[in-house]
Amino acid sequence: MDKFDYRYAEGKWTIKDIIQHIIDAERIFSYRALRISRNDQTPLPGFEENDYVENTNANSRSIQELLTEMAAVRHSTLLLFKSFTEAQLQLMGTASNNPISVRAIGFLTIGHQKHHQKVFQERYL
């Protein structure tokens, strides 16, 4: 078994699952930021992360393929956030039934990845 297919307990995600989850979540966060930055006041629903993980093929992909995609998504996210004006960063919307600003979504995106990096260190390394 490849170390990236390791699960520290039954029912837990593999490292590949977590990387795919980070990719999916960042795409969703960026979509939310885009919508709110354009002053779209439509409440944005949450997403069930376990359903997403169960419906990927992350574990049949190579780690290099996943990391390349992750880098591309991050590059896209950075370009999106660099395009926002100060006024756009301050715009508020609703996501997952909570008020949130475009700027906060940027911090949430970074914090989400850092959270999973900590999980890697504590449970997988």
Protein backbone atom coordinates (compact mmCIF):
# COMPACT_ATOMS: atom_id res chain seq x y z
CA MET A 1 0.00 0.00 0.00
CA ASP A 2 1.21 3.48 -0.90
CA LYS A 3 1.77 5.72 2.14
CA PHE A 4 -0.63 8.24 0.59
CA ASP A 5 -3.39 5.62 0.77
CA TYR A 6 -2.89 5.17 4.53
CA ARG A 7 -5.83 5.66 6.93
CA TYR A 8 -4.98 6.10 10.61
CA ALA A 9 -8.32 4.50 11.58
CA GLU A 10 -11.24 2.72 9.93
CA GLY A 11 -13.48 5.17 8.09
CA LYS A 12 -10.92 8.00 8.14
CA TRP A 13 -9.73 9.71 5.00
CA THR A 14 -6.49 8.87 3.23
CA ILE A 15 -3.88 11.54 2.56
CA LYS A 16 -5.11 11.60 -1.05
CA ASP A 17 -8.69 12.07 0.18
CA ILE A 18 -7.60 15.02 2.31
CA ILE A 19 -5.73 16.65 -0.56
CA GLN A 20 -8.76 16.27 -2.81
CA HIS A 21 -10.94 17.68 -0.01
CA ILE A 22 -8.69 20.74 0.27
CA ILE A 23 -8.93 21.23 -3.50
CA ASP A 24 -12.72 20.90 -3.52
CA ALA A 25 -13.20 23.17 -0.51
CA GLU A 26 -10.92 25.86 -1.96
CA ARG A 27 -12.92 25.84 -5.19
CA ILE A 28 -16.14 26.25 -3.21
CA PHE A 29 -14.65 29.03 -1.05
CA SER A 30 -13.43 30.85 -4.19
CA TYR A 31 -16.86 30.54 -5.79
CA ARG A 32 -18.42 32.02 -2.66
CA ALA A 33 -15.90 34.88 -2.64
CA LEU A 34 -16.58 35.60 -6.32
CA ARG A 35 -20.35 35.67 -5.83
CA ILE A 36 -20.17 37.91 -2.79
CA SER A 37 -17.57 40.21 -4.40
CA ARG A 38 -20.02 40.80 -7.23
CA ASN A 39 -22.61 41.83 -4.65
CA ASP A 40 -24.70 38.70 -5.18
CA GLN A 41 -26.82 38.56 -2.03
CA THR A 42 -28.19 35.07 -2.68
CA PRO A 43 -27.53 32.94 0.42
CA LEU A 44 -24.97 30.28 -0.48
CA PRO A 45 -25.57 26.78 0.90
CA GLY A 46 -23.09 24.67 2.79
CA PHE A 47 -21.70 21.41 1.47
CA GLU A 48 -21.35 17.98 2.99
CA GLU A 49 -17.63 17.24 2.89
CA ASN A 50 -18.06 13.49 3.42
CA ASP A 51 -20.35 13.23 0.38
CA TYR A 52 -17.72 15.01 -1.69
CA VAL A 53 -14.93 12.70 -0.52
CA GLU A 54 -17.05 9.60 -1.16
CA ASN A 55 -17.65 10.76 -4.74
CA THR A 56 -14.10 11.41 -5.90
CA ASN A 57 -11.52 9.14 -7.40
CA ALA A 58 -8.69 10.64 -5.35
CA ASN A 59 -7.29 7.28 -4.32
CA SER A 60 -6.91 6.14 -7.93
CA ARG A 61 -4.89 9.24 -8.80
CA SER A 62 -1.18 9.78 -8.30
CA ILE A 63 0.00 12.04 -5.53
CA GLN A 64 1.79 14.17 -8.12
CA GLU A 65 -1.43 14.64 -10.08
CA LEU A 66 -3.27 15.76 -6.94
CA LEU A 67 -0.50 18.14 -5.89
CA THR A 68 -0.35 19.65 -9.39
CA GLU A 69 -4.09 20.27 -9.30
CA MET A 70 -3.84 21.73 -5.81
CA ALA A 71 -1.12 24.15 -6.95
CA ALA A 72 -3.23 25.20 -9.95
CA VAL A 73 -6.29 25.81 -7.78
CA ARG A 74 -4.23 27.85 -5.30
CA HIS A 75 -2.76 29.91 -8.13
CA SER A 76 -6.27 30.61 -9.40
CA THR A 77 -7.44 31.55 -5.90
CA LEU A 78 -4.54 33.96 -5.47
CA LEU A 79 -5.27 35.64 -8.80
CA LEU A 80 -8.94 35.96 -7.86
CA PHE A 81 -8.18 37.58 -4.50
CA LYS A 82 -5.58 39.90 -6.03
CA SER A 83 -8.28 41.13 -8.41
CA PHE A 84 -10.58 42.29 -5.61
CA THR A 85 -10.68 45.94 -4.60
CA GLU A 86 -10.65 46.92 -0.94
CA ALA A 87 -14.38 47.62 -1.20
CA GLN A 88 -15.02 44.15 -2.66
CA LEU A 89 -13.02 42.50 0.13
CA GLN A 90 -15.32 44.15 2.65
CA LEU A 91 -18.58 43.06 1.01
CA MET A 92 -20.73 40.77 3.13
CA GLY A 93 -22.80 37.80 2.09
CA THR A 94 -24.25 34.65 3.59
CA ALA A 95 -22.62 31.24 3.29
CA SER A 96 -23.63 28.14 5.24
CA ASN A 97 -26.25 30.27 7.04
CA ASN A 98 -23.59 32.63 8.41
CA PRO A 99 -22.63 36.18 7.47
CA ILE A 100 -19.15 36.38 5.98
CA SER A 101 -17.01 38.90 4.11
CA VAL A 102 -14.96 38.25 1.01
CA ARG A 103 -11.81 38.96 3.06
CA ALA A 104 -12.86 36.43 5.71
CA ILE A 105 -13.29 33.77 3.02
CA GLY A 106 -9.65 34.34 2.06
CA PHE A 107 -8.53 33.78 5.63
CA LEU A 108 -10.85 30.79 5.93
CA THR A 109 -9.25 29.24 2.84
CA ILE A 110 -5.77 29.53 4.33
CA GLY A 111 -6.90 28.38 7.76
CA HIS A 112 -8.64 25.35 6.30
CA GLN A 113 -5.43 24.16 4.64
CA LYS A 114 -3.40 24.83 7.80
CA HIS A 115 -5.92 22.80 9.83
CA HIS A 116 -5.40 19.80 7.55
CA GLN A 117 -1.61 20.25 7.58
CA LYS A 118 -1.80 19.94 11.37
CA VAL A 119 -3.88 16.76 11.01
CA PHE A 120 -1.21 15.38 8.63
CA GLN A 121 1.50 16.05 11.22
CA GLU A 122 -0.45 14.64 14.15
CA ARG A 123 -2.07 11.59 12.55
CA TYR A 124 -0.14 10.62 9.43
CA LEU A 125 3.54 11.43 9.88
